[in-house]
C-alpha atoms as a PDB file:
ATOM      1  CA  MET A   1     -26.785  -0.844 -34.741  1.00  0.00           C
ATOM      2  CA  SER A   2     -29.349  -0.090 -37.392  1.00  0.00           C
ATOM      3  CA  THR A   3     -28.664   2.768 -39.734  1.00  0.00           C
ATOM      4  CA  PRO A   4     -31.290   4.893 -41.422  1.00  0.00           C
ATOM      5  CA  ASP A   5     -32.324   4.414 -45.014  1.00  0.00           C
ATOM      6  CA  GLU A   6     -30.767   6.767 -47.526  1.00  0.00           C
ATOM      7  CA  PRO A   7     -33.000   9.765 -48.257  1.00  0.00           C
ATOM      8  CA  SER A   8     -34.881   9.539 -51.545  1.00  0.00           C
ATOM      9  CA  GLN A   9     -36.505  12.125 -53.761  1.00  0.00           C
ATOM     10  CA  SER A  10     -39.905  11.494 -55.341  1.00  0.00           C
ATOM     11  CA  GLU A  11     -40.307  12.305 -59.017  1.00  0.00           C
ATOM     12  CA  PRO A  12     -43.062  14.740 -60.033  1.00  0.00           C
ATOM     13  CA  SER A  13     -45.852  13.564 -62.299  1.00  0.00           C
ATOM     14  CA  SER A  14     -44.319  13.003 -65.744  1.00  0.00           C
ATOM     15  CA  ALA A  15     -47.500  13.866 -67.640  1.00  0.00           C
ATOM     16  CA  ALA A  16     -47.906  17.258 -66.024  1.00  0.00           C
ATOM     17  CA  SER A  17     -44.193  17.982 -66.221  1.00  0.00           C
ATOM     18  CA  ASN A  18     -44.019  17.091 -69.929  1.00  0.00           C
ATOM     19  CA  ALA A  19     -47.046  19.219 -70.743  1.00  0.00           C
ATOM     20  CA  GLU A  20     -45.623  22.166 -68.857  1.00  0.00           C
ATOM     21  CA  ALA A  21     -42.222  21.788 -70.509  1.00  0.00           C
ATOM     22  CA  SER A  22     -43.856  21.574 -73.937  1.00  0.00           C
ATOM     23  CA  LEU A  23     -45.787  24.799 -73.420  1.00  0.00           C
ATOM     24  CA  GLU A  24     -42.749  26.625 -72.064  1.00  0.00           C
ATOM     25  CA  GLU A  25     -40.547  25.448 -74.947  1.00  0.00           C
ATOM     26  CA  GLU A  26     -43.218  26.469 -77.430  1.00  0.00           C
ATOM     27  CA  SER A  27     -43.422  29.942 -75.902  1.00  0.00           C
ATOM     28  CA  ALA A  28     -39.658  30.314 -75.682  1.00  0.00           C
ATOM     29  CA  GLY A  29     -39.131  29.057 -79.247  1.00  0.00           C
ATOM     30  CA  LEU A  30     -41.752  31.405 -80.703  1.00  0.00           C
ATOM     31  CA  ALA A  31     -40.306  34.350 -78.831  1.00  0.00           C
ATOM     32  CA  SER A  32     -36.846  33.455 -80.134  1.00  0.00           C
ATOM     33  CA  CYS A  33     -38.053  33.248 -83.742  1.00  0.00           C
ATOM     34  CA  LEU A  34     -39.789  36.592 -83.506  1.00  0.00           C
ATOM     35  CA  ASN A  35     -36.606  38.064 -82.017  1.00  0.00           C
ATOM     36  CA  GLY A  36     -38.534  40.979 -80.644  1.00  0.00           C
ATOM     37  CA  ALA A  37     -39.843  42.116 -84.038  1.00  0.00           C
ATOM     38  CA  LEU A  38     -43.393  41.130 -83.171  1.00  0.00           C
ATOM     39  CA  THR A  39     -45.275  40.529 -79.926  1.00  0.00           C
ATOM     40  CA  PHE A  40     -47.701  37.824 -78.872  1.00  0.00           C
ATOM     41  CA  ASN A  41     -51.363  38.327 -79.350  1.00  0.00           C
ATOM     42  CA  SER A  42     -52.413  39.315 -75.840  1.00  0.00           C
ATOM     43  CA  SER A  43     -55.289  36.849 -75.666  1.00  0.00           C
ATOM     44  CA  ALA A  44     -53.098  33.981 -76.905  1.00  0.00           C
ATOM     45  CA  ALA A  45     -50.394  34.818 -74.385  1.00  0.00           C
ATOM     46  CA  SER A  46     -52.990  35.017 -71.609  1.00  0.00           C
ATOM     47  CA  GLN A  47     -54.445  31.686 -72.641  1.00  0.00           C
ATOM     48  CA  ARG A  48     -51.019  30.054 -72.656  1.00  0.00           C
ATOM     49  CA  GLN A  49     -50.231  31.413 -69.183  1.00  0.00           C
ATOM     50  CA  SER A  50     -53.586  30.150 -67.965  1.00  0.00           C
ATOM     51  CA  GLN A  51     -52.761  26.710 -69.326  1.00  0.00           C
ATOM     52  CA  LEU A  52     -49.400  26.749 -67.565  1.00  0.00           C
ATOM     53  CA  ARG A  53     -51.028  27.676 -64.273  1.00  0.00           C
ATOM     54  CA  LYS A  54     -53.534  24.844 -64.636  1.00  0.00           C
ATOM     55  CA  ILE A  55     -50.775  22.333 -65.406  1.00  0.00           C
ATOM     56  CA  ARG A  56     -48.720  23.463 -62.430  1.00  0.00           C
ATOM     57  CA  SER A  57     -51.786  23.227 -60.219  1.00  0.00           C
ATOM     58  CA  LEU A  58     -52.445  19.732 -61.595  1.00  0.00           C
ATOM     59  CA  ARG A  59     -48.871  18.692 -60.877  1.00  0.00           C
ATOM     60  CA  THR A  60     -49.145  19.980 -57.293  1.00  0.00           C
ATOM     61  CA  ARG A  61     -52.356  18.011 -56.772  1.00  0.00           C
ATOM     62  CA  GLU A  62     -50.844  14.881 -58.310  1.00  0.00           C
ATOM     63  CA  GLU A  63     -47.789  15.129 -56.065  1.00  0.00           C
ATOM     64  CA  ALA A  64     -50.059  15.548 -53.030  1.00  0.00           C
ATOM     65  CA  ASN A  65     -52.104  12.527 -54.137  1.00  0.00           C
ATOM     66  CA  GLU A  66     -48.938  10.472 -54.582  1.00  0.00           C
ATOM     67  CA  GLU A  67     -47.859  11.345 -51.039  1.00  0.00           C
ATOM     68  CA  ALA A  68     -51.324  10.506 -49.681  1.00  0.00           C
ATOM     69  CA  ASN A  69     -51.314   7.181 -51.556  1.00  0.00           C
ATOM     70  CA  LYS A  70     -47.878   6.420 -50.139  1.00  0.00           C
ATOM     71  CA  ARG A  71     -49.181   6.996 -46.613  1.00  0.00           C
ATOM     72  CA  LEU A  72     -52.187   4.766 -47.293  1.00  0.00           C
ATOM     73  CA  LEU A  73     -50.053   1.970 -48.714  1.00  0.00           C
ATOM     74  CA  THR A  74     -47.550   2.166 -45.855  1.00  0.00           C
ATOM     75  CA  ARG A  75     -48.939   1.489 -42.420  1.00  0.00           C
ATOM     76  CA  VAL A  76     -47.550   0.636 -39.018  1.00  0.00           C
ATOM     77  CA  VAL A  77     -48.330  -2.582 -37.164  1.00  0.00           C
ATOM     78  CA  PHE A  78     -47.843  -3.513 -33.511  1.00  0.00           C
ATOM     79  CA  GLU A  79     -47.111  -7.131 -32.727  1.00  0.00           C
ATOM     80  CA  VAL A  80     -46.505  -8.740 -29.338  1.00  0.00           C
ATOM     81  CA  VAL A  81     -43.659 -11.077 -30.262  1.00  0.00           C
ATOM     82  CA  SER A  82     -42.747 -12.444 -26.833  1.00  0.00           C
ATOM     83  CA  THR A  83     -43.506 -12.274 -23.128  1.00  0.00           C
ATOM     84  CA  ARG A  84     -41.506 -13.002 -19.997  1.00  0.00           C
ATOM     85  CA  THR A  85     -42.235 -13.194 -16.299  1.00  0.00           C
ATOM     86  CA  LEU A  86     -40.099 -10.895 -14.159  1.00  0.00           C
ATOM     87  CA  SER A  87     -39.905 -10.018 -10.495  1.00  0.00           C
ATOM     88  CA  GLN A  88     -39.619  -6.616  -8.830  1.00  0.00           C
ATOM     89  CA  PHE A  89     -39.676  -6.002  -5.082  1.00  0.00           C
ATOM     90  CA  SER A  90     -40.661  -9.668  -4.571  1.00  0.00           C
ATOM     91  CA  ARG A  91     -43.666  -9.278  -6.876  1.00  0.00           C
ATOM     92  CA  LYS A  92     -43.959 -11.019 -10.227  1.00  0.00           C
ATOM     93  CA  TYR A  93     -45.303  -9.431 -13.403  1.00  0.00           C
ATOM     94  CA  VAL A  94     -45.434 -10.174 -17.137  1.00  0.00           C
ATOM     95  CA  ALA A  95     -43.456  -8.013 -19.571  1.00  0.00           C
ATOM     96  CA  TYR A  96     -44.760  -7.851 -23.145  1.00  0.00           C
ATOM     97  CA  THR A  97     -42.275  -7.241 -25.982  1.00  0.00           C
ATOM     98  CA  VAL A  98     -43.884  -5.298 -28.840  1.00  0.00           C
ATOM     99  CA  LEU A  99     -42.404  -5.048 -32.330  1.00  0.00           C
ATOM    100  CA  ILE A 100     -43.371  -1.887 -34.226  1.00  0.00           C
ATOM    101  CA  LYS A 101     -42.738  -1.884 -37.966  1.00  0.00           C
ATOM    102  CA  ARG A 102     -43.941  -0.514 -41.276  1.00  0.00           C
ATOM    103  CA  VAL A 103     -45.713  -2.787 -43.733  1.00  0.00           C
ATOM    104  CA  PRO A 104     -45.807  -3.942 -46.457  1.00  0.00           C
ATOM    105  CA  GLY A 105     -42.231  -4.823 -47.322  1.00  0.00           C
ATOM    106  CA  LEU A 106     -39.100  -5.012 -45.212  1.00  0.00           C
ATOM    107  CA  ASP A 107     -38.769  -2.309 -42.575  1.00  0.00           C
ATOM    108  CA  ARG A 108     -35.039  -1.699 -42.140  1.00  0.00           C
ATOM    109  CA  SER A 109     -35.590   0.263 -38.940  1.00  0.00           C
ATOM    110  CA  PRO A 110     -38.164  -1.548 -36.779  1.00  0.00           C
ATOM    111  CA  ALA A 111     -38.531  -0.547 -33.142  1.00  0.00           C
ATOM    112  CA  VAL A 112     -39.008  -2.697 -30.068  1.00  0.00           C
ATOM    113  CA  ILE A 113     -40.457  -1.815 -26.668  1.00  0.00           C
ATOM    114  CA  GLU A 114     -41.137  -3.859 -23.544  1.00  0.00           C
ATOM    115  CA  ARG A 115     -44.084  -2.852 -21.366  1.00  0.00           C
ATOM    116  CA  ARG A 116     -46.047  -4.386 -18.495  1.00  0.00           C
ATOM    117  CA  TYR A 117     -49.797  -4.589 -17.921  1.00  0.00           C
ATOM    118  CA  SER A 118     -49.881  -1.502 -15.674  1.00  0.00           C
ATOM    119  CA  GLU A 119     -48.259   0.635 -18.400  1.00  0.00           C
ATOM    120  CA  PHE A 120     -50.827  -0.467 -20.981  1.00  0.00           C
ATOM    121  CA  ARG A 121     -53.554   0.290 -18.421  1.00  0.00           C
ATOM    122  CA  ASN A 122     -52.160   3.792 -17.802  1.00  0.00           C
ATOM    123  CA  LEU A 123     -52.160   4.466 -21.556  1.00  0.00           C
ATOM    124  CA  TYR A 124     -55.753   3.249 -21.906  1.00  0.00           C
ATOM    125  CA  SER A 125     -57.000   5.154 -18.847  1.00  0.00           C
ATOM    126  CA  GLY A 126     -55.316   8.418 -19.848  1.00  0.00           C
ATOM    127  CA  LEU A 127     -56.661   8.318 -23.394  1.00  0.00           C
ATOM    128  CA  LYS A 128     -60.163   7.336 -22.279  1.00  0.00           C
ATOM    129  CA  ARG A 129     -60.218  10.200 -19.783  1.00  0.00           C
ATOM    130  CA  ARG A 130     -59.038  12.813 -22.301  1.00  0.00           C
ATOM    131  CA  HIS A 131     -60.626  11.422 -25.500  1.00  0.00           C
ATOM    132  CA  PRO A 132     -63.710   9.435 -24.404  1.00  0.00           C
ATOM    133  CA  GLU A 133     -65.547   9.897 -27.713  1.00  0.00           C
ATOM    134  CA  VAL A 134     -62.936   7.887 -29.666  1.00  0.00           C
ATOM    135  CA  MET A 135     -62.140   5.366 -26.925  1.00  0.00           C
ATOM    136  CA  GLN A 136     -65.621   4.223 -25.943  1.00  0.00           C
ATOM    137  CA  ASP A 137     -65.567   1.048 -28.063  1.00  0.00           C
ATOM    138  CA  THR A 138     -62.026   0.007 -27.110  1.00  0.00           C
ATOM    139  CA  VAL A 139     -61.852  -3.134 -24.983  1.00  0.00           C
ATOM    140  CA  PHE A 140     -59.180  -3.443 -22.297  1.00  0.00           C
ATOM    141  CA  PRO A 141     -58.463  -6.670 -20.374  1.00  0.00           C
ATOM    142  CA  LYS A 142     -59.616  -6.607 -16.783  1.00  0.00           C
ATOM    143  CA  LYS A 143     -57.172  -7.003 -13.933  1.00  0.00           C
ATOM    144  CA  THR A 144     -57.550 -10.336 -12.145  1.00  0.00           C
ATOM    145  CA  VAL A 145     -56.449 -11.418  -8.702  1.00  0.00           C
ATOM    146  CA  LEU A 146     -55.513 -14.935  -9.810  1.00  0.00           C
ATOM    147  CA  GLY A 147     -54.394 -16.444 -13.083  1.00  0.00           C
ATOM    148  CA  ASN A 148     -52.349 -13.512 -14.419  1.00  0.00           C
ATOM    149  CA  PHE A 149     -49.539 -15.852 -15.454  1.00  0.00           C
ATOM    150  CA  LYS A 150     -51.636 -18.456 -17.270  1.00  0.00           C
ATOM    151  CA  ALA A 151     -50.798 -18.876 -20.951  1.00  0.00           C
ATOM    152  CA  GLU A 152     -54.371 -18.218 -22.127  1.00  0.00           C
ATOM    153  CA  VAL A 153     -54.603 -15.016 -20.068  1.00  0.00           C
ATOM    154  CA  ILE A 154     -51.303 -13.747 -21.449  1.00  0.00           C
ATOM    155  CA  MET A 155     -52.342 -14.637 -24.995  1.00  0.00           C
ATOM    156  CA  ASN A 156     -55.687 -12.850 -24.670  1.00  0.00           C
ATOM    157  CA  ARG A 157     -54.050  -9.768 -23.194  1.00  0.00           C
ATOM    158  CA  SER A 158     -51.456  -9.719 -25.971  1.00  0.00           C
ATOM    159  CA  LYS A 159     -54.216  -9.685 -28.594  1.00  0.00           C
ATOM    160  CA  LEU A 160     -56.107  -6.862 -26.858  1.00  0.00           C
ATOM    161  CA  PHE A 161     -52.906  -4.846 -26.381  1.00  0.00           C
ATOM    162  CA  GLU A 162     -52.186  -5.102 -30.115  1.00  0.00           C
ATOM    163  CA  GLU A 163     -55.726  -3.942 -30.915  1.00  0.00           C
ATOM    164  CA  LEU A 164     -55.389  -1.022 -28.495  1.00  0.00           C
ATOM    165  CA  LEU A 165     -52.118   0.164 -30.072  1.00  0.00           C
ATOM    166  CA  LEU A 166     -53.481  -0.192 -33.600  1.00  0.00           C
ATOM    167  CA  HIS A 167     -56.547   1.857 -32.651  1.00  0.00           C
ATOM    168  CA  VAL A 168     -54.456   4.602 -31.058  1.00  0.00           C
ATOM    169  CA  TYR A 169     -52.222   4.743 -34.130  1.00  0.00           C
ATOM    170  CA  ALA A 170     -55.219   4.938 -36.493  1.00  0.00           C
ATOM    171  CA  VAL A 171     -56.761   7.999 -34.777  1.00  0.00           C
ATOM    172  CA  GLU A 172     -54.569  11.054 -35.344  1.00  0.00           C
ATOM    173  CA  ARG A 173     -55.389  12.876 -32.106  1.00  0.00           C
ATOM    174  CA  LEU A 174     -54.494   9.735 -30.163  1.00  0.00           C
ATOM    175  CA  ARG A 175     -51.391   9.033 -32.238  1.00  0.00           C
ATOM    176  CA  ILE A 176     -49.875  12.474 -31.530  1.00  0.00           C
ATOM    177  CA  SER A 177     -51.051  12.600 -27.902  1.00  0.00           C
ATOM    178  CA  SER A 178     -48.656  12.996 -24.978  1.00  0.00           C
ATOM    179  CA  ASP A 179     -50.101   9.800 -23.490  1.00  0.00           C
ATOM    180  CA  PHE A 180     -48.954   7.753 -26.483  1.00  0.00           C
ATOM    181  CA  ALA A 181     -45.556   9.497 -26.558  1.00  0.00           C
ATOM    182  CA  ASP A 182     -45.089   8.796 -22.838  1.00  0.00           C
ATOM    183  CA  PHE A 183     -45.981   5.147 -23.353  1.00  0.00           C
ATOM    184  CA  LEU A 184     -43.767   4.599 -26.396  1.00  0.00           C
ATOM    185  CA  TYR A 185     -40.608   6.664 -26.036  1.00  0.00           C
ATOM    186  CA  ASN A 186     -40.596   9.663 -23.659  1.00  0.00           C
ATOM    187  CA  ARG A 187     -39.479   7.604 -20.668  1.00  0.00           C
ATOM    188  CA  ASP A 188     -36.773   5.936 -22.755  1.00  0.00           C
ATOM    189  CA  ILE A 189     -35.487   9.253 -24.089  1.00  0.00           C
ATOM    190  CA  LYS A 190     -35.236  10.556 -20.530  1.00  0.00           C
ATOM    191  CA  GLU A 191     -33.136   7.512 -19.644  1.00  0.00           C
ATOM    192  CA  ALA A 192     -30.894   8.170 -22.663  1.00  0.00           C
ATOM    193  CA  HIS A 193     -30.469  11.802 -21.593  1.00  0.00           C
ATOM    194  CA  ASP A 194     -29.308  10.641 -18.157  1.00  0.00           C
ATOM    195  CA  HIS A 195     -26.629   8.549 -19.902  1.00  0.00           C
ATOM    196  CA  LEU A 196     -25.574  11.513 -22.075  1.00  0.00           C
ATOM    197  CA  ARG A 197     -25.125  13.782 -19.073  1.00  0.00           C
ATOM    198  CA  ARG A 198     -22.753  11.177 -17.628  1.00  0.00           C
ATOM    199  CA  ALA A 199     -20.954  10.855 -21.005  1.00  0.00           C
ATOM    200  CA  LYS A 200     -22.126   7.238 -21.376  1.00  0.00           C
ATOM    201  CA  TYR A 201     -22.718   7.577 -25.097  1.00  0.00           C
ATOM    202  CA  ASP A 202     -22.642   3.870 -25.911  1.00  0.00           C
ATOM    203  CA  ASP A 203     -25.436   3.310 -23.376  1.00  0.00           C
ATOM    204  CA  ALA A 204     -27.501   6.200 -24.721  1.00  0.00           C
ATOM    205  CA  LEU A 205     -27.226   5.387 -28.425  1.00  0.00           C
ATOM    206  CA  PRO A 206     -29.338   2.207 -28.747  1.00  0.00           C
ATOM    207  CA  ILE A 207     -32.087   3.877 -26.713  1.00  0.00           C
ATOM    208  CA  LEU A 208     -32.014   7.045 -28.843  1.00  0.00           C
ATOM    209  CA  GLU A 209     -31.985   5.105 -32.101  1.00  0.00           C
ATOM    210  CA  ASN A 210     -34.967   2.996 -31.074  1.00  0.00           C
ATOM    211  CA  ALA A 211     -36.834   6.136 -29.997  1.00  0.00           C
ATOM    212  CA  PHE A 212     -35.972   7.820 -33.298  1.00  0.00           C
ATOM    213  CA  PHE A 213     -37.308   4.892 -35.318  1.00  0.00           C
ATOM    214  CA  LEU A 214     -40.495   5.023 -33.234  1.00  0.00           C
ATOM    215  CA  GLN A 215     -40.931   8.789 -33.530  1.00  0.00           C
ATOM    216  CA  GLU A 216     -40.554   8.938 -37.294  1.00  0.00           C
ATOM    217  CA  LYS A 217     -43.176   6.211 -37.722  1.00  0.00           C
ATOM    218  CA  LEU A 218     -45.668   8.120 -35.590  1.00  0.00           C
ATOM    219  CA  LEU A 219     -44.856  11.788 -36.192  1.00  0.00           C
ATOM    220  CA  GLY A 220     -43.316  11.892 -39.668  1.00  0.00           C
ATOM    221  CA  GLU A 221     -39.746  12.404 -40.827  1.00  0.00           C
ATOM    222  CA  LYS A 222     -39.564  16.194 -40.363  1.00  0.00           C
ATOM    223  CA  HIS A 223     -41.302  16.643 -37.012  1.00  0.00           C
ATOM    224  CA  SER A 224     -39.275  18.795 -34.601  1.00  0.00           C
ATOM    225  CA  SER A 225     -39.074  16.002 -32.008  1.00  0.00           C
ATOM    226  CA  VAL A 226     -37.789  13.585 -34.634  1.00  0.00           C
ATOM    227  CA  LEU A 227     -35.129  16.071 -35.799  1.00  0.00           C
ATOM    228  CA  SER A 228     -34.005  16.718 -32.212  1.00  0.00           C
ATOM    229  CA  THR A 229     -33.561  13.017 -31.481  1.00  0.00           C
ATOM    230  CA  LEU A 230     -31.778  12.541 -34.802  1.00  0.00           C
ATOM    231  CA  CYS A 231     -29.298  15.316 -33.957  1.00  0.00           C
ATOM    232  CA  GLU A 232     -28.713  13.801 -30.522  1.00  0.00           C
ATOM    233  CA  ILE A 233     -27.817  10.535 -32.267  1.00  0.00           C
ATOM    234  CA  VAL A 234     -25.350  12.332 -34.566  1.00  0.00           C
ATOM    235  CA  ALA A 235     -23.735  14.152 -31.627  1.00  0.00           C
ATOM    236  CA  SER A 236     -23.548  10.972 -29.529  1.00  0.00           C
ATOM    237  CA  HIS A 237     -21.949   8.902 -32.287  1.00  0.00           C
ATOM    238  CA  ASN A 238     -19.416  11.663 -32.826  1.00  0.00           C
ATOM    239  CA  ALA A 239     -18.658  11.891 -29.087  1.00  0.00           C
ATOM    240  CA  ALA A 240     -18.233   8.104 -28.985  1.00  0.00           C
ATOM    241  CA  GLU A 241     -15.892   8.385 -32.009  1.00  0.00           C
ATOM    242  CA  ASN A 242     -18.212   6.314 -34.189  1.00  0.00           C
ATOM    243  CA  ILE A 243     -17.411   8.583 -37.127  1.00  0.00           C
ATOM    244  CA  VAL A 244     -18.899   6.450 -39.903  1.00  0.00           C
ATOM    245  CA  GLU A 245     -22.208   6.083 -38.075  1.00  0.00           C
ATOM    246  CA  ALA A 246     -22.197   9.786 -37.161  1.00  0.00           C
ATOM    247  CA  GLN A 247     -21.754  10.725 -40.835  1.00  0.00           C
ATOM    248  CA  LYS A 248     -24.561   8.411 -41.979  1.00  0.00           C
ATOM    249  CA  PHE A 249     -27.043   9.869 -39.514  1.00  0.00           C
ATOM    250  CA  ALA A 250     -25.803  13.414 -40.228  1.00  0.00           C
ATOM    251  CA  GLU A 251     -26.527  12.908 -43.924  1.00  0.00           C
ATOM    252  CA  VAL A 252     -30.074  11.874 -43.115  1.00  0.00           C
ATOM    253  CA  ALA A 253     -30.486  14.819 -40.719  1.00  0.00           C
ATOM    254  CA  LEU A 254     -29.313  17.334 -43.328  1.00  0.00           C
ATOM    255  CA  SER A 255     -31.782  15.949 -45.869  1.00  0.00           C
ATOM    256  CA  ARG A 256     -34.623  16.207 -43.330  1.00  0.00           C
ATOM    257  CA  PHE A 257     -33.783  19.810 -42.378  1.00  0.00           C
ATOM    258  CA  GLY A 258     -33.574  20.920 -45.994  1.00  0.00           C
ATOM    259  CA  LYS A 259     -32.658  24.583 -45.706  1.00  0.00           C
ATOM    260  CA  GLU A 260     -34.195  25.342 -42.317  1.00  0.00           C
ATOM    261  CA  GLU A 261     -31.395  27.755 -41.461  1.00  0.00           C
ATOM    262  CA  SER A 262     -33.359  29.329 -38.600  1.00  0.00           C
ATOM    263  CA  HIS A 263     -33.491  26.100 -36.565  1.00  0.00           C
ATOM    264  CA  GLU A 264     -31.055  26.263 -33.654  1.00  0.00           C
ATOM    265  CA  LEU A 265     -29.700  22.789 -34.436  1.00  0.00           C
ATOM    266  CA  TYR A 266     -29.055  23.422 -38.128  1.00  0.00           C
ATOM    267  CA  ILE A 267     -25.794  25.421 -38.014  1.00  0.00           C
ATOM    268  CA  PRO A 268     -24.133  23.198 -35.354  1.00  0.00           C
ATOM    269  CA  LEU A 269     -25.219  20.154 -37.400  1.00  0.00           C
ATOM    270  CA  LEU A 270     -23.722  21.699 -40.529  1.00  0.00           C
ATOM    271  CA  GLN A 271     -20.464  22.554 -38.771  1.00  0.00           C
ATOM    272  CA  LEU A 272     -20.128  19.060 -37.321  1.00  0.00           C
ATOM    273  CA  SER A 273     -20.929  17.582 -40.737  1.00  0.00           C
ATOM    274  CA  VAL A 274     -18.058  19.512 -42.330  1.00  0.00           C
ATOM    275  CA  ARG A 275     -15.665  17.916 -39.840  1.00  0.00           C
ATOM    276  CA  LEU A 276     -17.160  14.453 -40.315  1.00  0.00           C
ATOM    277  CA  TRP A 277     -16.953  14.671 -44.102  1.00  0.00           C
ATOM    278  CA  TRP A 278     -13.334  15.906 -43.843  1.00  0.00           C
ATOM    279  CA  THR A 279     -12.353  13.112 -41.416  1.00  0.00           C
ATOM    280  CA  LEU A 280     -13.744  10.471 -43.779  1.00  0.00           C
ATOM    281  CA  GLY A 281     -12.155  12.063 -46.848  1.00  0.00           C
ATOM    282  CA  LYS A 282     -15.503  12.964 -48.398  1.00  0.00           C
ATOM    283  CA  ASP A 283     -16.155  16.077 -50.476  1.00  0.00           C
ATOM    284  CA  LYS A 284     -17.341  18.783 -48.077  1.00  0.00           C
ATOM    285  CA  LYS A 285     -17.496  21.719 -50.486  1.00  0.00           C
ATOM    286  CA  HIS A 286     -21.306  21.729 -50.671  1.00  0.00           C
ATOM    287  CA  LEU A 287     -21.495  21.926 -46.873  1.00  0.00           C
ATOM    288  CA  GLU A 288     -18.976  24.757 -46.737  1.00  0.00           C
ATOM    289  CA  ARG A 289     -20.958  26.629 -49.385  1.00  0.00           C
ATOM    290  CA  ARG A 290     -24.086  26.326 -47.237  1.00  0.00           C
ATOM    291  CA  LEU A 291     -22.238  27.723 -44.225  1.00  0.00           C
ATOM    292  CA  GLN A 292     -20.762  30.553 -46.272  1.00  0.00           C
ATOM    293  CA  SER A 293     -24.197  31.421 -47.661  1.00  0.00           C
ATOM    294  CA  ILE A 294     -25.640  31.586 -44.134  1.00  0.00           C
ATOM    295  CA  LYS A 295     -22.742  33.766 -42.998  1.00  0.00           C
ATOM    296  CA  GLN A 296     -23.215  36.142 -45.937  1.00  0.00           C
ATOM    297  CA  SER A 297     -26.871  36.517 -45.001  1.00  0.00           C
ATOM    298  CA  GLY A 298     -25.763  38.132 -41.748  1.00  0.00           C
ATOM    299  CA  VAL A 299     -25.992  35.167 -39.393  1.00  0.00           C
ATOM    300  CA  ASN A 300     -23.079  34.724 -36.998  1.00  0.00           C
ATOM    301  CA  VAL A 301     -21.874  31.170 -37.515  1.00  0.00           C
ATOM    302  CA  ASP A 302     -18.715  31.582 -35.432  1.00  0.00           C
ATOM    303  CA  GLY A 303     -18.674  30.745 -31.749  1.00  0.00           C
ATOM    304  CA  GLN A 304     -21.765  28.557 -32.017  1.00  0.00           C
ATOM    305  CA  PRO A 305     -22.210  25.884 -29.313  1.00  0.00           C
ATOM    306  CA  SER A 306     -21.592  22.334 -30.452  1.00  0.00           C
ATOM    307  CA  LEU A 307     -24.418  20.018 -31.403  1.00  0.00           C
ATOM    308  CA  LEU A 308     -23.852  17.998 -28.229  1.00  0.00           C
ATOM    309  CA  GLU A 309     -23.869  21.125 -26.051  1.00  0.00           C
ATOM    310  CA  ILE A 310     -27.219  22.214 -27.501  1.00  0.00           C
ATOM    311  CA  ALA A 311     -28.631  18.694 -27.077  1.00  0.00           C
ATOM    312  CA  LEU A 312     -27.620  18.634 -23.407  1.00  0.00           C
ATOM    313  CA  ARG A 313     -28.953  22.137 -22.851  1.00  0.00           C
ATOM    314  CA  ARG A 314     -32.331  21.292 -24.406  1.00  0.00           C
ATOM    315  CA  GLN A 315     -32.709  18.352 -22.018  1.00  0.00           C
ATOM    316  CA  LYS A 316     -32.758  20.530 -18.897  1.00  0.00           C
END
């Protein structure tokens, strides 16, 4: 199974950081030399503070620009990579396999879905009904009585399906719509939940992981739906005794949560992580310190439901 990339931290703008550090060192050094015998000229001190505020504001803007540039440079593409003719209830249909990946570069966590013509049509119809102003120029292949299985028909449909998905992804209101979520992963997640309720963790995991890789491409790494699916993956790997995989995904989940101590999944995730780290012989002191800090703040961390119990409860 694929494993998530290790979390990375972006460096702040060096120019702004160096300027800020220089001003702060200058202020601190001057204050140290004066040793309290003299005070700053009020206007000079005010000017220096104003400069610091401007530099910090500049750094914030630069960091925001860097993040925006990163989003512009990284995009998601949809590619129909294969088709196959299947039969259901004595009726044939074509299934289209779509690869979803980030470009440029190598995407270590691509996602794959298989959908039929009727599912693409339902996506198109739902979006056109609810968002006609941004769907009016989108072309959808017409349904034909004969010739649905001809190579040229399948090829033309594949091209139009790719264009439809790219358009939906490019328009934010379409990208985050329930129609797109239903088309891409909601049905699959429901299937995975059915497996979890029957304790078929090995059947649920590939479905959950694929859905997770899809969700983070569309919604962003810290979206609540993405975090929920990620925690379900951690809990499922642990239940299936895939401890190494559970720890890898738990590490990613903890980095995505940050210090969101109020989230109902955070404490159970932290408690499970302590056990995973201990089982693998990894240093767990930083996790125990987090739990102790939460406890000292007045939150009851004892008697919490397990991560799997919360995941199953949230599915009902």
